[in-house]
Amino acid sequence: MIRRLLLCTATALAVALTGCGAQAKPTAATTTTTIPAGTSSHQLRSPDGQQRTFGVHRPAVQPGAKGYPLVLMLHGGFGTGTQAELAYGWDDLAEREGFVVVYPDGVDRAWNAGSCCGAPQRDGIDDVAFVVALVAQLDGMVSIDASRRYVTGMSNGAMMAYRLACETTLFAAVAPVAGTQLVSCTDGQPTSVLHLHGTNDTRVHLDGTTGDGVAKVTGPPIAEVLAGWRQRDHCAAFATTIAGAVTTSTADCPLGRTVEWILIEGMGHEWPGGARSSTQLEATAVIWDFFQQHRRAAS
C-alpha cells in the first residue's frame, strides 16, 4: 500500500524528535537550519519505538530558494552510514553541487527490503516508516526542496531503495546499485529509476537465481524489474548504447521521467568507482547527473 499519508503523520513527530540536541520545527517552510555545515550525527525515535541513528552532510553553501536537494544514501548489508559516507564519495560532490546527503543506519547493519535481509527482515522492522519519519524530521531541521528528494543504495540498501520507490511517493528518482526489487510493486507510482549492476555479480545474480553470501538473495531477473518500471512509467522501448565495458539502456518516459540500466562487463558486487571498486566508472557522479534531471511534481 502506498504510504502517501505517512509523511504528513510523521511530520507531526518532528517537533519531538532531536538531532544533535537541536529541536526540530514542524515544516520546511519555517525551517531555521539547525544542522551545522559538514558532517553531524543525529537520532530519532522511529514510529515502531526504536531509537535510530543517521548522519547528515550539509554543504557550506546556503540553500536555494526552495531548499537543498536531498540524497539519501543507504548502506549495504553489514555496512553502516559512516562506512557508506567514507566509501562512495558523496560528501565532496555535495560540497561542489550544493545538496544535503543523509546516511541512515539500518538495524543490526541491514534493512528490511522485503525477503531480505538479516534481523530487520526476520523481526519485521518497518524501515519504510523509519525513512518517512527521517524525511519529516529533516524538513524541520534544514530547508529541503520537496521536489528534489532522491534515494540510492548499495546491495541490501539498493533493495531498500526499490522498496521505498514502490511504497512511498517521497522521491523523484531512485538509483539502486547491485541490488534487486524484493517487494510487490503493484501500487508503485511512476518514478525515474537508474539501475547499475555488474555482469559478474555473484551476490545478486542478473538472472534472479540464488546468489552467494549469507543472504542467499533470490529475486526476479533484473531485466524483469526494469521492464516493470518501464511499464509503470509508460516509457518508450529501451535504446541501448555500448562504450567499452559499459552498456547503457535508456527508456524515455512521459513528464520527463527516465528508466535507465547501466550494465558493466566483468564487474562484481561493488559500487562502481568506490573505495574497493575495480571499475573506472564513477557511479556517484553518474547517479547525481541522473538525479539532477528529475523533479517530483507536487501530489
Foldseek 3Di string as FASTA:
>chain_A
DAPACLLVVLLVVLQVFWFPRDGFDRALVPADAPDDAAKGKTWGQFPVGDIWIKMKHFAPDAADPQFAFEEEEEEAAVDFLVRCCQWAPPNVVCNVPGHMYMRTGDDNRADCLALDDDPCVVVVPPVLRVVSSVVSNVSRNGRYRQFQYEYEYAARSLSNQLSNQQHYPRHQEYEYELYAHRDDSPVGAQHAYEYEYECAAQCQHQCQAQGDDDGRGGDHHRVVRLVVNCVRQVWDFWDWDDDVQWIKTWTAGPPQGIYMYIYGYPWYRDQDPIPPGPHPDNNSVVVVVNSVSTTHDDD
